[in-house]
Amino acid sequence: MSKGWYPVVDDAKCIGCMICNDMCKHGVYKPDETTGKPNVVYPMGCIHGCHGCERQCPSGAIHYFGDDGTLDVDYHYETYKPQLVCEGKPKVAFLCVHNSCRSQIAEALGKKLASDVFESYSAGTELKNHINPDAVRIMKQIYGIDMEKTQFNKLISDIPTPDIVIFMGCNVSCPHVPSQYAENWGLDDPTGQSDAVFADTISKIEQHILELRQKLS
């Protein structure tokens, strides 16, 4: 538990989505009866170093005060690593709106590069009827992975309940998915862009996958 170290909500930026409340398992937040926006009602329940609500907040409305009154306490994962409670390997859900491009790439690379550490799933809130053909083509060129043979478009309700949620890059379109830990990788959708842009996005996703693997090892 922390002492004198707690999140604060900027009401001017807050959109009232309550993702912070949904993902926090320590009772830190409660919806305001009038505004519907989150209030910090149990700051002593905040786990020092978690920062899950700040990372998941789509509007950047959450910040932290430390013991010395400094805003935005530095986060160091290896020192304050969340303790996941799950059976077997943690289930990681890579989420974007259409489950067509970024999240499908992340699922494929998660299975290829980190299957010994976590299980990879991808899903979306609105489905297209196919995986992005440029993503399929370039992933096949770089890694020899044919996503059309090994993966398909899925809704969030189609995958197991995740322990970890990774938002590929979203704002107010972030879905409400409770989890024990969450990150927003903030990646732009390369759909309609050049092969070079796709390759760059894929490279960034690979780096994030390797970093997540290290965190969870």
C-alpha atoms as a PDB file:
ATOM      1  CA  MET A   1       0.000   0.000   0.000  1.00  0.00           C
ATOM      2  CA  SER A   2       1.109   3.529  -0.544  1.00  0.00           C
ATOM      3  CA  LYS A   3       1.033   6.440   1.850  1.00  0.00           C
ATOM      4  CA  GLY A   4       0.479   9.958   0.579  1.00  0.00           C
ATOM      5  CA  TRP A   5       0.748   8.638  -2.986  1.00  0.00           C
ATOM      6  CA  TYR A   6      -2.433   8.631  -5.016  1.00  0.00           C
ATOM      7  CA  PRO A   7      -4.075   9.317  -8.394  1.00  0.00           C
ATOM      8  CA  VAL A   8      -5.932  12.536  -9.136  1.00  0.00           C
ATOM      9  CA  VAL A   9      -8.547  13.086 -11.850  1.00  0.00           C
ATOM     10  CA  ASP A  10      -8.574  16.180 -14.059  1.00  0.00           C
ATOM     11  CA  ASP A  11     -12.318  16.745 -14.488  1.00  0.00           C
ATOM     12  CA  ALA A  12     -11.727  19.103 -17.412  1.00  0.00           C
ATOM     13  CA  LYS A  13     -10.166  16.255 -19.417  1.00  0.00           C
ATOM     14  CA  CYS A  14     -12.211  13.364 -18.010  1.00  0.00           C
ATOM     15  CA  ILE A  15     -14.876  12.017 -20.395  1.00  0.00           C
ATOM     16  CA  GLY A  16     -16.627   9.902 -17.751  1.00  0.00           C
ATOM     17  CA  CYS A  17     -15.878   6.561 -19.407  1.00  0.00           C
ATOM     18  CA  MET A  18     -15.070   4.939 -16.017  1.00  0.00           C
ATOM     19  CA  ILE A  19     -12.392   2.676 -17.509  1.00  0.00           C
ATOM     20  CA  CYS A  20     -10.299   3.479 -14.426  1.00  0.00           C
ATOM     21  CA  ASN A  21     -13.049   2.143 -12.175  1.00  0.00           C
ATOM     22  CA  ASP A  22     -13.543  -0.940 -14.347  1.00  0.00           C
ATOM     23  CA  MET A  23      -9.891  -1.944 -14.299  1.00  0.00           C
ATOM     24  CA  CYS A  24      -9.043  -1.081 -10.685  1.00  0.00           C
ATOM     25  CA  LYS A  25      -9.551  -3.966  -8.259  1.00  0.00           C
ATOM     26  CA  HIS A  26      -8.673  -1.967  -5.146  1.00  0.00           C
ATOM     27  CA  GLY A  27     -11.729   0.293  -4.773  1.00  0.00           C
ATOM     28  CA  VAL A  28      -9.809   3.481  -5.479  1.00  0.00           C
ATOM     29  CA  TYR A  29     -12.493   5.022  -7.703  1.00  0.00           C
ATOM     30  CA  LYS A  30     -16.233   5.574  -7.409  1.00  0.00           C
ATOM     31  CA  PRO A  31     -18.558   7.311  -9.899  1.00  0.00           C
ATOM     32  CA  ASP A  32     -19.789  10.743  -8.842  1.00  0.00           C
ATOM     33  CA  GLU A  33     -23.582  10.605  -8.497  1.00  0.00           C
ATOM     34  CA  THR A  34     -24.009  13.961 -10.234  1.00  0.00           C
ATOM     35  CA  THR A  35     -21.406  14.029 -12.993  1.00  0.00           C
ATOM     36  CA  GLY A  36     -20.865  10.309 -13.527  1.00  0.00           C
ATOM     37  CA  LYS A  37     -17.139  10.969 -13.568  1.00  0.00           C
ATOM     38  CA  PRO A  38     -14.732   9.075 -11.277  1.00  0.00           C
ATOM     39  CA  ASN A  39     -13.774  10.330  -7.831  1.00  0.00           C
ATOM     40  CA  VAL A  40     -10.817   9.028  -5.850  1.00  0.00           C
ATOM     41  CA  VAL A  41     -12.561   7.684  -2.753  1.00  0.00           C
ATOM     42  CA  TYR A  42      -9.947   5.248  -1.409  1.00  0.00           C
ATOM     43  CA  PRO A  43      -6.468   6.602  -2.195  1.00  0.00           C
ATOM     44  CA  MET A  44      -4.813   4.279   0.309  1.00  0.00           C
ATOM     45  CA  GLY A  45      -5.927   1.343  -1.805  1.00  0.00           C
ATOM     46  CA  CYS A  46      -3.763   2.478  -4.715  1.00  0.00           C
ATOM     47  CA  ILE A  47      -0.845   0.119  -5.314  1.00  0.00           C
ATOM     48  CA  HIS A  48       2.401   2.074  -5.568  1.00  0.00           C
ATOM     49  CA  GLY A  49       3.716   1.841  -9.102  1.00  0.00           C
ATOM     50  CA  CYS A  50       0.670   0.256 -10.752  1.00  0.00           C
ATOM     51  CA  HIS A  51      -0.305   3.231 -12.948  1.00  0.00           C
ATOM     52  CA  GLY A  52      -2.776   0.978 -14.762  1.00  0.00           C
ATOM     53  CA  CYS A  53      -5.562   3.551 -14.643  1.00  0.00           C
ATOM     54  CA  GLU A  54      -3.292   6.328 -15.912  1.00  0.00           C
ATOM     55  CA  ARG A  55      -2.023   4.155 -18.741  1.00  0.00           C
ATOM     56  CA  GLN A  56      -5.513   3.032 -19.706  1.00  0.00           C
ATOM     57  CA  CYS A  57      -7.231   6.428 -19.444  1.00  0.00           C
ATOM     58  CA  PRO A  58      -8.121   7.383 -23.050  1.00  0.00           C
ATOM     59  CA  SER A  59      -8.311  11.115 -22.318  1.00  0.00           C
ATOM     60  CA  GLY A  60      -5.132  11.553 -20.270  1.00  0.00           C
ATOM     61  CA  ALA A  61      -7.118  12.760 -17.264  1.00  0.00           C
ATOM     62  CA  ILE A  62      -5.302  10.789 -14.526  1.00  0.00           C
ATOM     63  CA  HIS A  63      -2.040  11.806 -12.884  1.00  0.00           C
ATOM     64  CA  TYR A  64      -0.277  10.900  -9.643  1.00  0.00           C
ATOM     65  CA  PHE A  65       0.960  12.766  -6.585  1.00  0.00           C
ATOM     66  CA  GLY A  66       3.847  11.339  -4.608  1.00  0.00           C
ATOM     67  CA  ASP A  67       4.788  11.600  -0.949  1.00  0.00           C
ATOM     68  CA  ASP A  68       6.703  14.804  -1.636  1.00  0.00           C
ATOM     69  CA  GLY A  69       3.807  16.400  -3.542  1.00  0.00           C
ATOM     70  CA  THR A  70       5.463  15.895  -6.924  1.00  0.00           C
ATOM     71  CA  LEU A  71       3.066  15.331  -9.814  1.00  0.00           C
ATOM     72  CA  ASP A  72       3.561  12.286 -12.055  1.00  0.00           C
ATOM     73  CA  VAL A  73       5.646   9.951  -9.937  1.00  0.00           C
ATOM     74  CA  ASP A  74       8.141   8.019 -12.073  1.00  0.00           C
ATOM     75  CA  TYR A  75       6.966   4.503 -12.845  1.00  0.00           C
ATOM     76  CA  HIS A  76       9.473   1.662 -12.710  1.00  0.00           C
ATOM     77  CA  TYR A  77       7.917  -1.658 -13.681  1.00  0.00           C
ATOM     78  CA  GLU A  78      10.611  -3.973 -12.366  1.00  0.00           C
ATOM     79  CA  THR A  79      10.389  -2.363  -8.930  1.00  0.00           C
ATOM     80  CA  TYR A  80       6.587  -2.235  -8.743  1.00  0.00           C
ATOM     81  CA  LYS A  81       5.556  -5.187 -10.886  1.00  0.00           C
ATOM     82  CA  PRO A  82       1.835  -6.016 -10.519  1.00  0.00           C
ATOM     83  CA  GLN A  83       1.127  -9.433  -9.035  1.00  0.00           C
ATOM     84  CA  LEU A  84      -1.154 -11.218 -11.469  1.00  0.00           C
ATOM     85  CA  VAL A  85      -3.563 -13.796 -10.086  1.00  0.00           C
ATOM     86  CA  CYS A  86      -4.305 -16.353 -12.797  1.00  0.00           C
ATOM     87  CA  GLU A  87      -4.203 -20.049 -13.552  1.00  0.00           C
ATOM     88  CA  GLY A  88      -1.341 -20.963 -15.827  1.00  0.00           C
ATOM     89  CA  LYS A  89       0.045 -18.377 -18.216  1.00  0.00           C
ATOM     90  CA  PRO A  90      -1.589 -14.930 -18.175  1.00  0.00           C
ATOM     91  CA  LYS A  91      -4.023 -14.291 -21.017  1.00  0.00           C
ATOM     92  CA  VAL A  92      -3.157 -11.150 -22.967  1.00  0.00           C
ATOM     93  CA  ALA A  93      -5.828  -9.502 -25.138  1.00  0.00           C
ATOM     94  CA  PHE A  94      -4.683  -7.139 -27.889  1.00  0.00           C
ATOM     95  CA  LEU A  95      -7.589  -4.825 -28.675  1.00  0.00           C
ATOM     96  CA  CYS A  96      -8.485  -2.350 -31.386  1.00  0.00           C
ATOM     97  CA  VAL A  97     -11.780  -1.365 -32.996  1.00  0.00           C
ATOM     98  CA  HIS A  98     -11.993  -3.657 -36.039  1.00  0.00           C
ATOM     99  CA  ASN A  99      -9.598  -6.479 -35.078  1.00  0.00           C
ATOM    100  CA  SER A 100      -8.276  -6.290 -38.609  1.00  0.00           C
ATOM    101  CA  CYS A 101      -4.715  -4.993 -38.506  1.00  0.00           C
ATOM    102  CA  ARG A 102      -2.682  -3.937 -35.446  1.00  0.00           C
ATOM    103  CA  SER A 103      -4.291  -6.315 -32.965  1.00  0.00           C
ATOM    104  CA  GLN A 104      -4.035  -9.235 -35.401  1.00  0.00           C
ATOM    105  CA  ILE A 105      -0.332  -8.500 -35.931  1.00  0.00           C
ATOM    106  CA  ALA A 106       0.182  -8.393 -32.149  1.00  0.00           C
ATOM    107  CA  GLU A 107      -1.599 -11.719 -31.668  1.00  0.00           C
ATOM    108  CA  ALA A 108       0.570 -13.346 -34.340  1.00  0.00           C
ATOM    109  CA  LEU A 109       3.814 -11.928 -32.933  1.00  0.00           C
ATOM    110  CA  GLY A 110       2.778 -12.749 -29.373  1.00  0.00           C
ATOM    111  CA  LYS A 111       2.292 -16.380 -30.372  1.00  0.00           C
ATOM    112  CA  LYS A 112       5.598 -16.436 -32.242  1.00  0.00           C
ATOM    113  CA  LEU A 113       7.795 -14.572 -29.771  1.00  0.00           C
ATOM    114  CA  ALA A 114       6.244 -15.018 -26.323  1.00  0.00           C
ATOM    115  CA  SER A 115       4.086 -18.153 -26.234  1.00  0.00           C
ATOM    116  CA  ASP A 116       6.280 -19.537 -23.458  1.00  0.00           C
ATOM    117  CA  VAL A 117       5.319 -16.603 -21.204  1.00  0.00           C
ATOM    118  CA  PHE A 118       1.737 -15.607 -22.064  1.00  0.00           C
ATOM    119  CA  GLU A 119      -1.240 -16.598 -24.210  1.00  0.00           C
ATOM    120  CA  SER A 120      -2.093 -14.150 -26.996  1.00  0.00           C
ATOM    121  CA  TYR A 121      -5.557 -13.208 -28.197  1.00  0.00           C
ATOM    122  CA  SER A 122      -6.874 -10.332 -30.273  1.00  0.00           C
ATOM    123  CA  ALA A 123     -10.347  -8.851 -30.575  1.00  0.00           C
ATOM    124  CA  GLY A 124     -12.314  -5.747 -31.503  1.00  0.00           C
ATOM    125  CA  THR A 125     -15.573  -3.956 -30.860  1.00  0.00           C
ATOM    126  CA  GLU A 126     -16.670  -3.858 -34.513  1.00  0.00           C
ATOM    127  CA  LEU A 127     -15.574  -6.517 -36.958  1.00  0.00           C
ATOM    128  CA  LYS A 128     -14.543  -6.351 -40.579  1.00  0.00           C
ATOM    129  CA  ASN A 129     -15.046  -9.538 -42.584  1.00  0.00           C
ATOM    130  CA  HIS A 130     -11.343 -10.024 -43.230  1.00  0.00           C
ATOM    131  CA  ILE A 131      -7.864  -9.332 -41.873  1.00  0.00           C
ATOM    132  CA  ASN A 132      -6.141  -6.395 -43.552  1.00  0.00           C
ATOM    133  CA  PRO A 133      -4.600  -7.874 -46.748  1.00  0.00           C
ATOM    134  CA  ASP A 134      -1.513  -5.658 -46.560  1.00  0.00           C
ATOM    135  CA  ALA A 135      -0.895  -6.797 -42.998  1.00  0.00           C
ATOM    136  CA  VAL A 136      -1.303 -10.415 -44.106  1.00  0.00           C
ATOM    137  CA  ARG A 137       1.069  -9.944 -47.036  1.00  0.00           C
ATOM    138  CA  ILE A 138       3.817  -8.128 -45.138  1.00  0.00           C
ATOM    139  CA  MET A 139       3.680 -10.425 -42.103  1.00  0.00           C
ATOM    140  CA  LYS A 140       4.084 -13.344 -44.510  1.00  0.00           C
ATOM    141  CA  GLN A 141       7.067 -11.625 -46.150  1.00  0.00           C
ATOM    142  CA  ILE A 142       8.853 -10.751 -42.897  1.00  0.00           C
ATOM    143  CA  TYR A 143       8.023 -13.706 -40.629  1.00  0.00           C
ATOM    144  CA  GLY A 144       6.519 -16.367 -42.868  1.00  0.00           C
ATOM    145  CA  ILE A 145       3.287 -16.136 -40.861  1.00  0.00           C
ATOM    146  CA  ASP A 146       0.026 -16.533 -42.770  1.00  0.00           C
ATOM    147  CA  MET A 147      -2.511 -14.854 -40.499  1.00  0.00           C
ATOM    148  CA  GLU A 148      -5.395 -15.852 -42.761  1.00  0.00           C
ATOM    149  CA  LYS A 149      -4.675 -19.506 -41.972  1.00  0.00           C
ATOM    150  CA  THR A 150      -4.047 -19.174 -38.245  1.00  0.00           C
ATOM    151  CA  GLN A 151      -6.310 -16.272 -37.139  1.00  0.00           C
ATOM    152  CA  PHE A 152      -9.740 -14.759 -37.694  1.00  0.00           C
ATOM    153  CA  ASN A 153     -11.697 -11.637 -36.731  1.00  0.00           C
ATOM    154  CA  LYS A 154     -13.134 -11.793 -33.197  1.00  0.00           C
ATOM    155  CA  LEU A 155     -15.264  -9.700 -30.856  1.00  0.00           C
ATOM    156  CA  ILE A 156     -14.160  -9.187 -27.268  1.00  0.00           C
ATOM    157  CA  SER A 157     -16.927 -11.565 -26.178  1.00  0.00           C
ATOM    158  CA  ASP A 158     -15.380 -14.304 -28.350  1.00  0.00           C
ATOM    159  CA  ILE A 159     -12.114 -14.573 -26.413  1.00  0.00           C
ATOM    160  CA  PRO A 160     -11.366 -15.780 -22.855  1.00  0.00           C
ATOM    161  CA  THR A 161     -11.481 -13.224 -20.049  1.00  0.00           C
ATOM    162  CA  PRO A 162      -8.072 -11.534 -20.210  1.00  0.00           C
ATOM    163  CA  ASP A 163      -5.679 -10.966 -17.317  1.00  0.00           C
ATOM    164  CA  ILE A 164      -3.887  -8.241 -19.284  1.00  0.00           C
ATOM    165  CA  VAL A 165      -5.384  -5.854 -21.825  1.00  0.00           C
ATOM    166  CA  ILE A 166      -3.289  -4.088 -24.453  1.00  0.00           C
ATOM    167  CA  PHE A 167      -4.950  -1.278 -26.388  1.00  0.00           C
ATOM    168  CA  MET A 168      -3.173  -0.907 -29.691  1.00  0.00           C
ATOM    169  CA  GLY A 169      -3.930   2.797 -29.917  1.00  0.00           C
ATOM    170  CA  CYS A 170      -7.259   4.413 -29.220  1.00  0.00           C
ATOM    171  CA  ASN A 171      -8.925   7.462 -27.740  1.00  0.00           C
ATOM    172  CA  VAL A 172     -12.586   7.597 -26.804  1.00  0.00           C
ATOM    173  CA  SER A 173     -13.076   4.379 -28.793  1.00  0.00           C
ATOM    174  CA  CYS A 174     -11.282   2.326 -26.111  1.00  0.00           C
ATOM    175  CA  PRO A 175     -13.662  -0.443 -25.036  1.00  0.00           C
ATOM    176  CA  HIS A 176     -14.454  -1.181 -21.395  1.00  0.00           C
ATOM    177  CA  VAL A 177     -12.557  -4.373 -20.580  1.00  0.00           C
ATOM    178  CA  PRO A 178     -11.665  -5.032 -16.916  1.00  0.00           C
ATOM    179  CA  SER A 179      -8.223  -6.509 -16.361  1.00  0.00           C
ATOM    180  CA  GLN A 180      -5.479  -6.832 -13.757  1.00  0.00           C
ATOM    181  CA  TYR A 181      -3.069  -4.787 -15.856  1.00  0.00           C
ATOM    182  CA  ALA A 182      -3.415  -2.676 -18.999  1.00  0.00           C
ATOM    183  CA  GLU A 183      -1.305  -0.683 -21.417  1.00  0.00           C
ATOM    184  CA  ASN A 184      -2.117   1.553 -24.373  1.00  0.00           C
ATOM    185  CA  TRP A 185       0.621   1.230 -26.992  1.00  0.00           C
ATOM    186  CA  GLY A 186      -0.605   4.298 -28.873  1.00  0.00           C
ATOM    187  CA  LEU A 187       0.091   2.944 -32.366  1.00  0.00           C
ATOM    188  CA  ASP A 188      -1.447   4.617 -35.405  1.00  0.00           C
ATOM    189  CA  ASP A 189      -3.411   2.400 -37.775  1.00  0.00           C
ATOM    190  CA  PRO A 190      -1.253   1.826 -40.899  1.00  0.00           C
ATOM    191  CA  THR A 191      -4.258   0.864 -43.055  1.00  0.00           C
ATOM    192  CA  GLY A 192      -4.017   2.516 -46.460  1.00  0.00           C
ATOM    193  CA  GLN A 193      -0.388   3.517 -45.926  1.00  0.00           C
ATOM    194  CA  SER A 194       2.777   2.365 -47.693  1.00  0.00           C
ATOM    195  CA  ASP A 195       4.609  -0.900 -47.078  1.00  0.00           C
ATOM    196  CA  ALA A 196       7.279   1.086 -45.228  1.00  0.00           C
ATOM    197  CA  VAL A 197       4.694   2.400 -42.770  1.00  0.00           C
ATOM    198  CA  PHE A 198       3.349  -1.126 -42.249  1.00  0.00           C
ATOM    199  CA  ALA A 199       6.842  -2.479 -41.670  1.00  0.00           C
ATOM    200  CA  ASP A 200       7.549   0.281 -39.146  1.00  0.00           C
ATOM    201  CA  THR A 201       4.312  -0.451 -37.268  1.00  0.00           C
ATOM    202  CA  ILE A 202       5.075  -4.167 -37.246  1.00  0.00           C
ATOM    203  CA  SER A 203       8.583  -3.460 -35.918  1.00  0.00           C
ATOM    204  CA  LYS A 204       7.149  -1.347 -33.095  1.00  0.00           C
ATOM    205  CA  ILE A 205       4.660  -4.073 -32.199  1.00  0.00           C
ATOM    206  CA  GLU A 206       7.486  -6.640 -32.131  1.00  0.00           C
ATOM    207  CA  GLN A 207       9.463  -4.438 -29.727  1.00  0.00           C
ATOM    208  CA  HIS A 208       6.424  -3.993 -27.476  1.00  0.00           C
ATOM    209  CA  ILE A 209       5.826  -7.755 -27.488  1.00  0.00           C
ATOM    210  CA  LEU A 210       9.409  -8.430 -26.429  1.00  0.00           C
ATOM    211  CA  GLU A 211       9.175  -5.799 -23.688  1.00  0.00           C
ATOM    212  CA  LEU A 212       5.918  -7.310 -22.414  1.00  0.00           C
ATOM    213  CA  ARG A 213       7.485 -10.752 -22.474  1.00  0.00           C
ATOM    214  CA  GLN A 214      10.343  -9.443 -20.346  1.00  0.00           C
ATOM    215  CA  LYS A 215       7.946  -7.794 -17.902  1.00  0.00           C
ATOM    216  CA  LEU A 216       5.964 -10.990 -17.396  1.00  0.00           C
ATOM    217  CA  SER A 217       8.898 -13.408 -17.302  1.00  0.00           C
END
